[in-house]
N, C-alpha and C. Protein backbone atom coordinates (compact mmCIF):
# COMPACT_ATOMS: atom_id res chain seq x y z
N MET A 1 86.72 23.76 115.67
CA MET A 1 87.85 24.52 116.18
C MET A 1 87.48 25.95 116.42
N GLY A 2 86.35 26.37 115.94
CA GLY A 2 85.90 27.72 116.25
C GLY A 2 86.55 28.83 115.42
N TYR A 3 86.99 28.55 114.23
CA TYR A 3 87.66 29.56 113.42
C TYR A 3 86.66 30.58 112.86
N GLY A 4 85.37 30.20 112.83
CA GLY A 4 84.32 31.10 112.35
C GLY A 4 84.45 31.45 110.91
N ARG A 5 85.16 30.60 110.17
CA ARG A 5 85.36 30.81 108.70
C ARG A 5 84.65 29.73 107.96
N ARG A 6 84.41 30.04 106.70
CA ARG A 6 83.67 29.11 105.88
C ARG A 6 84.45 28.75 104.62
N MET A 7 84.02 27.62 104.05
CA MET A 7 84.58 27.24 102.77
C MET A 7 84.37 28.34 101.74
N ARG A 8 85.40 28.60 100.92
CA ARG A 8 85.34 29.72 99.97
C ARG A 8 85.63 29.27 98.54
N ALA A 9 84.93 29.94 97.64
CA ALA A 9 85.19 29.76 96.22
C ALA A 9 85.25 31.16 95.58
N LEU A 10 86.38 31.43 94.96
CA LEU A 10 86.51 32.70 94.23
C LEU A 10 86.30 32.36 92.75
N VAL A 11 85.16 32.79 92.22
CA VAL A 11 84.66 32.46 90.92
C VAL A 11 84.89 33.56 89.95
N GLN A 12 85.56 33.27 88.78
CA GLN A 12 85.82 34.25 87.78
C GLN A 12 85.25 33.77 86.42
N THR A 13 84.67 34.68 85.68
CA THR A 13 84.27 34.31 84.29
C THR A 13 85.46 34.46 83.44
N VAL A 14 85.71 33.47 82.59
CA VAL A 14 86.92 33.46 81.72
C VAL A 14 86.53 33.05 80.31
N SER A 15 87.31 33.63 79.32
CA SER A 15 87.19 33.19 77.97
C SER A 15 88.04 31.95 77.79
N ARG A 16 89.14 31.88 78.62
CA ARG A 16 89.96 30.67 78.63
C ARG A 16 90.74 30.64 79.90
N ALA A 17 91.09 29.44 80.39
CA ALA A 17 91.93 29.28 81.56
C ALA A 17 92.62 27.90 81.52
N SER A 18 93.79 27.87 82.10
CA SER A 18 94.49 26.58 82.15
C SER A 18 95.38 26.49 83.34
N VAL A 19 95.72 25.25 83.69
CA VAL A 19 96.68 25.00 84.79
C VAL A 19 97.73 24.07 84.22
N THR A 20 98.98 24.42 84.49
CA THR A 20 100.10 23.65 84.05
C THR A 20 100.94 23.24 85.26
N VAL A 21 101.33 21.98 85.32
CA VAL A 21 102.24 21.46 86.36
C VAL A 21 103.44 20.88 85.60
N GLY A 22 104.57 21.47 85.82
CA GLY A 22 105.75 21.04 85.07
C GLY A 22 105.52 21.35 83.56
N ASP A 23 105.60 20.34 82.72
CA ASP A 23 105.36 20.50 81.28
C ASP A 23 103.97 20.00 80.90
N GLU A 24 103.15 19.65 81.89
CA GLU A 24 101.84 19.04 81.59
C GLU A 24 100.67 19.98 81.90
N ILE A 25 99.80 20.19 80.96
CA ILE A 25 98.56 20.93 81.17
C ILE A 25 97.59 19.97 81.85
N THR A 26 97.26 20.23 83.12
CA THR A 26 96.38 19.34 83.88
C THR A 26 94.92 19.70 83.76
N GLY A 27 94.62 20.90 83.32
CA GLY A 27 93.26 21.36 83.14
C GLY A 27 93.23 22.54 82.22
N GLU A 28 92.17 22.61 81.36
CA GLU A 28 92.09 23.70 80.42
C GLU A 28 90.59 23.83 80.01
N ILE A 29 90.08 25.08 80.00
CA ILE A 29 88.71 25.34 79.61
C ILE A 29 88.61 26.54 78.75
N LYS A 30 87.45 26.66 78.02
CA LYS A 30 87.13 27.87 77.29
C LYS A 30 85.72 28.24 77.64
N ASP A 31 85.49 29.58 77.71
CA ASP A 31 84.14 30.16 78.00
C ASP A 31 83.45 29.51 79.20
N GLY A 32 84.03 29.66 80.35
CA GLY A 32 83.45 29.13 81.54
C GLY A 32 83.83 29.83 82.79
N LEU A 33 84.07 29.07 83.88
CA LEU A 33 84.39 29.63 85.15
C LEU A 33 85.72 29.06 85.68
N LEU A 34 86.61 29.95 86.12
CA LEU A 34 87.76 29.55 86.88
C LEU A 34 87.40 29.69 88.34
N VAL A 35 87.55 28.60 89.09
CA VAL A 35 87.12 28.59 90.49
C VAL A 35 88.30 28.26 91.37
N LEU A 36 88.73 29.20 92.23
CA LEU A 36 89.73 28.95 93.22
C LEU A 36 89.03 28.61 94.52
N VAL A 37 89.37 27.46 95.11
CA VAL A 37 88.64 26.94 96.22
C VAL A 37 89.52 26.86 97.44
N GLY A 38 89.06 27.41 98.57
CA GLY A 38 89.78 27.34 99.80
C GLY A 38 88.95 26.61 100.87
N VAL A 39 89.68 25.82 101.66
CA VAL A 39 89.03 25.00 102.72
C VAL A 39 89.59 25.45 104.07
N THR A 40 88.74 25.53 105.08
CA THR A 40 89.14 25.81 106.42
C THR A 40 88.85 24.63 107.32
N HIS A 41 89.23 24.77 108.55
CA HIS A 41 89.18 23.66 109.53
C HIS A 41 87.80 23.09 109.81
N ASP A 42 86.74 23.92 109.73
CA ASP A 42 85.41 23.48 110.10
C ASP A 42 84.58 22.96 108.93
N ASP A 43 85.17 22.88 107.71
CA ASP A 43 84.39 22.51 106.56
C ASP A 43 84.10 21.02 106.55
N THR A 44 83.03 20.67 105.83
CA THR A 44 82.48 19.29 105.80
C THR A 44 82.15 18.95 104.39
N PRO A 45 81.96 17.66 104.06
CA PRO A 45 81.46 17.24 102.75
C PRO A 45 80.12 17.90 102.38
N ALA A 46 79.25 18.10 103.36
CA ALA A 46 77.99 18.74 103.07
C ALA A 46 78.20 20.23 102.62
N LYS A 47 79.13 20.89 103.25
CA LYS A 47 79.44 22.30 102.80
C LYS A 47 80.06 22.29 101.40
N ALA A 48 80.93 21.33 101.12
CA ALA A 48 81.49 21.22 99.77
C ALA A 48 80.41 21.00 98.74
N ALA A 49 79.45 20.11 99.02
CA ALA A 49 78.37 19.86 98.08
C ALA A 49 77.48 21.09 97.87
N GLU A 50 77.20 21.83 98.96
CA GLU A 50 76.37 23.02 98.86
C GLU A 50 77.09 24.12 98.10
N LEU A 51 78.39 24.25 98.32
CA LEU A 51 79.18 25.29 97.64
C LEU A 51 79.23 24.88 96.10
N ALA A 52 79.32 23.64 95.78
CA ALA A 52 79.28 23.21 94.37
C ALA A 52 77.96 23.61 93.73
N ARG A 53 76.85 23.39 94.47
CA ARG A 53 75.52 23.72 93.93
C ARG A 53 75.45 25.23 93.70
N LYS A 54 75.90 26.01 94.66
CA LYS A 54 75.90 27.49 94.51
C LYS A 54 76.72 27.93 93.31
N THR A 55 77.91 27.36 93.15
CA THR A 55 78.79 27.72 92.06
C THR A 55 78.13 27.39 90.71
N TRP A 56 77.59 26.22 90.61
CA TRP A 56 76.94 25.72 89.36
C TRP A 56 75.76 26.56 88.98
N GLU A 57 75.03 27.08 90.01
CA GLU A 57 73.82 27.83 89.73
C GLU A 57 73.99 29.34 89.76
N LEU A 58 75.24 29.81 90.04
CA LEU A 58 75.53 31.24 90.10
C LEU A 58 75.31 31.92 88.76
N ARG A 59 74.50 32.94 88.74
CA ARG A 59 74.10 33.59 87.47
C ARG A 59 75.04 34.76 87.16
N ILE A 60 76.24 34.46 86.66
CA ILE A 60 77.22 35.48 86.37
C ILE A 60 77.71 35.45 84.92
N LEU A 61 77.10 34.57 84.09
CA LEU A 61 77.41 34.47 82.65
C LEU A 61 76.36 35.19 81.86
N ASP A 62 76.40 36.50 81.81
CA ASP A 62 75.36 37.30 81.14
C ASP A 62 73.95 36.91 81.71
N ASP A 63 73.86 36.90 83.01
CA ASP A 63 72.60 36.53 83.74
C ASP A 63 72.17 35.15 83.56
N ALA A 64 73.12 34.29 83.20
CA ALA A 64 72.87 32.87 83.10
C ALA A 64 73.87 32.14 84.02
N SER A 65 73.59 30.93 84.37
CA SER A 65 74.52 30.15 85.21
C SER A 65 75.34 29.19 84.31
N ALA A 66 76.35 28.63 84.91
CA ALA A 66 77.14 27.61 84.23
C ALA A 66 76.24 26.44 83.89
N ALA A 67 75.24 26.14 84.79
CA ALA A 67 74.29 25.07 84.55
C ALA A 67 73.41 25.43 83.32
N ASP A 68 72.99 26.64 83.22
CA ASP A 68 72.15 27.07 82.04
C ASP A 68 72.89 26.95 80.73
N ARG A 69 74.20 27.23 80.76
CA ARG A 69 74.99 27.30 79.57
C ARG A 69 75.83 26.04 79.33
N SER A 70 75.78 25.07 80.25
CA SER A 70 76.68 23.94 80.18
C SER A 70 78.14 24.38 80.13
N ALA A 71 78.45 25.46 80.78
CA ALA A 71 79.82 26.01 80.76
C ALA A 71 80.75 25.17 81.61
N PRO A 72 82.00 24.99 81.12
CA PRO A 72 82.95 24.20 81.90
C PRO A 72 83.51 25.00 83.10
N LEU A 73 84.08 24.31 84.00
CA LEU A 73 84.71 24.89 85.17
C LEU A 73 86.17 24.36 85.33
N LEU A 74 87.03 25.21 85.69
CA LEU A 74 88.37 24.84 86.08
C LEU A 74 88.52 25.14 87.52
N VAL A 75 88.70 24.04 88.32
CA VAL A 75 88.75 24.17 89.77
C VAL A 75 90.21 23.99 90.20
N VAL A 76 90.64 25.00 91.01
CA VAL A 76 92.01 24.99 91.53
C VAL A 76 91.98 25.17 93.03
N SER A 77 92.63 24.23 93.74
CA SER A 77 92.73 24.38 95.20
C SER A 77 93.60 25.60 95.49
N GLN A 78 93.18 26.43 96.51
CA GLN A 78 93.86 27.66 96.80
C GLN A 78 93.82 28.00 98.25
N PHE A 79 94.72 27.37 99.00
CA PHE A 79 94.73 27.60 100.45
C PHE A 79 95.02 29.03 100.82
N THR A 80 95.67 29.79 99.90
CA THR A 80 95.96 31.18 100.18
C THR A 80 94.75 32.09 100.24
N LEU A 81 93.54 31.53 99.89
CA LEU A 81 92.33 32.37 100.09
C LEU A 81 92.09 32.61 101.57
N TYR A 82 92.78 31.92 102.44
CA TYR A 82 92.70 32.15 103.88
C TYR A 82 93.90 32.90 104.48
N GLY A 83 94.71 33.51 103.60
CA GLY A 83 95.82 34.33 104.07
C GLY A 83 95.28 35.48 104.87
N ASP A 84 95.92 35.71 106.03
CA ASP A 84 95.55 36.85 106.88
C ASP A 84 96.74 37.73 107.08
N ALA A 85 96.70 38.90 106.51
CA ALA A 85 97.84 39.83 106.60
C ALA A 85 97.53 41.07 107.47
N ARG A 86 96.61 40.93 108.40
CA ARG A 86 96.25 42.07 109.26
C ARG A 86 97.37 42.47 110.20
N LYS A 87 98.25 41.48 110.53
CA LYS A 87 99.34 41.78 111.46
C LYS A 87 100.70 41.64 110.68
N GLY A 88 101.45 42.64 110.60
CA GLY A 88 102.75 42.57 109.94
C GLY A 88 102.67 42.50 108.47
N ARG A 89 103.74 42.03 107.86
CA ARG A 89 103.82 41.97 106.41
C ARG A 89 103.76 40.55 105.87
N ARG A 90 103.86 39.57 106.74
CA ARG A 90 103.84 38.19 106.34
C ARG A 90 102.51 37.60 106.61
N PRO A 91 101.75 37.12 105.64
CA PRO A 91 100.40 36.51 105.87
C PRO A 91 100.52 35.23 106.73
N SER A 92 99.53 35.03 107.57
CA SER A 92 99.35 33.79 108.31
C SER A 92 98.41 32.90 107.51
N TRP A 93 98.68 31.59 107.52
CA TRP A 93 97.84 30.67 106.76
C TRP A 93 97.11 29.76 107.79
N SER A 94 97.08 30.11 109.04
CA SER A 94 96.55 29.24 110.07
C SER A 94 95.07 28.88 109.91
N ALA A 95 94.29 29.75 109.23
CA ALA A 95 92.92 29.45 109.03
C ALA A 95 92.63 28.41 107.91
N ALA A 96 93.68 28.17 107.07
CA ALA A 96 93.55 27.22 105.98
C ALA A 96 93.64 25.79 106.59
N ALA A 97 92.78 24.89 106.12
CA ALA A 97 92.83 23.52 106.59
C ALA A 97 94.08 22.87 106.10
N PRO A 98 94.63 21.92 106.89
CA PRO A 98 95.77 21.17 106.43
C PRO A 98 95.38 20.27 105.23
N ALA A 99 96.40 19.87 104.49
CA ALA A 99 96.16 19.09 103.24
C ALA A 99 95.35 17.89 103.49
N GLU A 100 95.50 17.20 104.64
CA GLU A 100 94.76 15.97 104.93
C GLU A 100 93.23 16.24 105.01
N ILE A 101 92.87 17.42 105.40
CA ILE A 101 91.44 17.81 105.46
C ILE A 101 90.96 18.39 104.12
N ALA A 102 91.81 19.28 103.58
CA ALA A 102 91.45 19.99 102.39
C ALA A 102 91.29 19.16 101.12
N GLU A 103 92.26 18.27 100.88
CA GLU A 103 92.25 17.47 99.65
C GLU A 103 90.97 16.72 99.42
N PRO A 104 90.48 15.94 100.41
CA PRO A 104 89.23 15.23 100.19
C PRO A 104 88.01 16.12 100.05
N LEU A 105 88.05 17.32 100.57
CA LEU A 105 86.93 18.26 100.49
C LEU A 105 86.93 18.93 99.12
N ILE A 106 88.11 19.20 98.58
CA ILE A 106 88.20 19.72 97.21
C ILE A 106 87.68 18.63 96.22
N ALA A 107 88.07 17.36 96.47
CA ALA A 107 87.58 16.28 95.61
C ALA A 107 86.04 16.15 95.76
N GLU A 108 85.49 16.33 96.93
CA GLU A 108 84.04 16.29 97.14
C GLU A 108 83.38 17.38 96.35
N TYR A 109 83.95 18.60 96.40
CA TYR A 109 83.43 19.74 95.63
C TYR A 109 83.38 19.42 94.12
N VAL A 110 84.46 18.91 93.61
CA VAL A 110 84.57 18.56 92.19
C VAL A 110 83.57 17.46 91.84
N ASN A 111 83.45 16.42 92.64
CA ASN A 111 82.53 15.32 92.39
C ASN A 111 81.12 15.80 92.44
N ALA A 112 80.78 16.74 93.37
CA ALA A 112 79.43 17.28 93.48
C ALA A 112 79.10 18.08 92.22
N LEU A 113 80.05 18.82 91.68
CA LEU A 113 79.81 19.56 90.38
C LEU A 113 79.53 18.57 89.26
N ARG A 114 80.41 17.53 89.17
CA ARG A 114 80.23 16.53 88.16
C ARG A 114 78.89 15.82 88.26
N ALA A 115 78.48 15.53 89.45
CA ALA A 115 77.21 14.89 89.67
C ALA A 115 76.00 15.69 89.16
N ARG A 116 76.19 17.02 89.10
CA ARG A 116 75.18 17.91 88.59
C ARG A 116 75.25 18.07 87.04
N GLY A 117 76.24 17.42 86.45
CA GLY A 117 76.41 17.46 84.99
C GLY A 117 77.52 18.37 84.50
N ALA A 118 78.27 18.96 85.43
CA ALA A 118 79.33 19.89 84.99
C ALA A 118 80.50 19.15 84.40
N VAL A 119 81.10 19.83 83.41
CA VAL A 119 82.42 19.39 82.89
C VAL A 119 83.45 20.15 83.74
N VAL A 120 84.26 19.45 84.48
CA VAL A 120 85.19 20.02 85.40
C VAL A 120 86.61 19.58 85.09
N GLU A 121 87.49 20.53 84.93
CA GLU A 121 88.91 20.32 84.83
C GLU A 121 89.50 20.75 86.16
N THR A 122 90.73 20.26 86.50
CA THR A 122 91.31 20.65 87.78
C THR A 122 92.81 20.87 87.66
N GLY A 123 93.29 21.49 88.73
CA GLY A 123 94.72 21.56 88.92
C GLY A 123 95.16 20.31 89.59
N ARG A 124 96.34 20.33 90.23
CA ARG A 124 96.80 19.17 90.96
C ARG A 124 97.17 19.58 92.36
N PHE A 125 96.54 18.90 93.30
CA PHE A 125 96.71 19.24 94.73
C PHE A 125 98.16 19.09 95.15
N ARG A 126 98.68 20.02 95.92
CA ARG A 126 100.08 20.08 96.43
C ARG A 126 101.08 20.20 95.40
N ALA A 127 100.76 20.61 94.20
CA ALA A 127 101.76 20.84 93.15
C ALA A 127 101.97 22.34 92.96
N HIS A 128 103.16 22.69 92.47
CA HIS A 128 103.39 24.09 92.03
C HIS A 128 102.70 24.24 90.66
N MET A 129 101.67 25.04 90.67
CA MET A 129 100.85 25.22 89.41
C MET A 129 101.03 26.55 88.80
N LEU A 130 101.02 26.59 87.50
CA LEU A 130 100.97 27.83 86.77
C LEU A 130 99.54 27.99 86.26
N VAL A 131 98.79 28.98 86.72
CA VAL A 131 97.41 29.16 86.42
C VAL A 131 97.33 30.39 85.47
N GLU A 132 96.81 30.18 84.30
CA GLU A 132 96.63 31.27 83.34
C GLU A 132 95.13 31.47 83.08
N SER A 133 94.74 32.72 82.95
CA SER A 133 93.32 32.97 82.64
C SER A 133 93.18 34.24 81.90
N VAL A 134 92.15 34.32 81.11
CA VAL A 134 91.74 35.58 80.43
C VAL A 134 90.33 35.81 80.98
N ASN A 135 90.25 36.82 81.88
CA ASN A 135 88.95 37.13 82.51
C ASN A 135 88.04 37.88 81.57
N VAL A 136 86.74 37.62 81.73
CA VAL A 136 85.73 38.30 80.93
C VAL A 136 84.96 39.27 81.87
N GLY A 137 84.81 40.46 81.46
CA GLY A 137 84.09 41.49 82.27
C GLY A 137 85.01 42.54 82.74
N PRO A 138 85.91 42.30 83.68
CA PRO A 138 86.06 41.09 84.45
C PRO A 138 84.96 40.94 85.48
N CYS A 139 84.65 39.72 85.82
CA CYS A 139 83.65 39.41 86.86
C CYS A 139 84.23 38.41 87.81
N THR A 140 84.34 38.76 89.05
CA THR A 140 84.86 37.91 90.09
C THR A 140 83.91 37.98 91.29
N VAL A 141 83.47 36.85 91.80
CA VAL A 141 82.57 36.76 92.95
C VAL A 141 83.10 35.83 93.96
N LEU A 142 83.06 36.23 95.23
CA LEU A 142 83.49 35.35 96.35
C LEU A 142 82.27 34.69 96.95
N LEU A 143 82.24 33.39 96.90
CA LEU A 143 81.20 32.61 97.57
C LEU A 143 81.74 32.03 98.87
N GLU A 144 80.92 32.07 99.93
CA GLU A 144 81.30 31.46 101.19
C GLU A 144 80.13 30.66 101.81
N LEU A 145 80.45 29.58 102.40
CA LEU A 145 79.43 28.79 103.07
C LEU A 145 79.87 28.47 104.48
């Protein structure tokens, strides 16, 4: 579609993080990475797998990676990473992939992390989620592919 945008992961080091949907905690970690993942129209399973590799090997835990430390990850789908507020006061979400495209690519990303040995907790796609985190550092890195 020519959006010129890439799959994104906003990665934060956390001492703890959790996702709650309704009264249920759907994911919870300690001493790891909170990863907000956004998908755009041109993304592919290959991009999801490569972004998972980059995330897993990213050296932001005191110069070590999640792979080095066997640190857990909490992955949350975040279409708002593609919010564009350059015009007016209301962001446009047109660069974000529709759910039918995004959901399987988020699953591919999570599966690729797990295939590398990662312990991965998740939010729930299309649900109203309460995300809590205690950032360490703080350290936040935006990865794009």
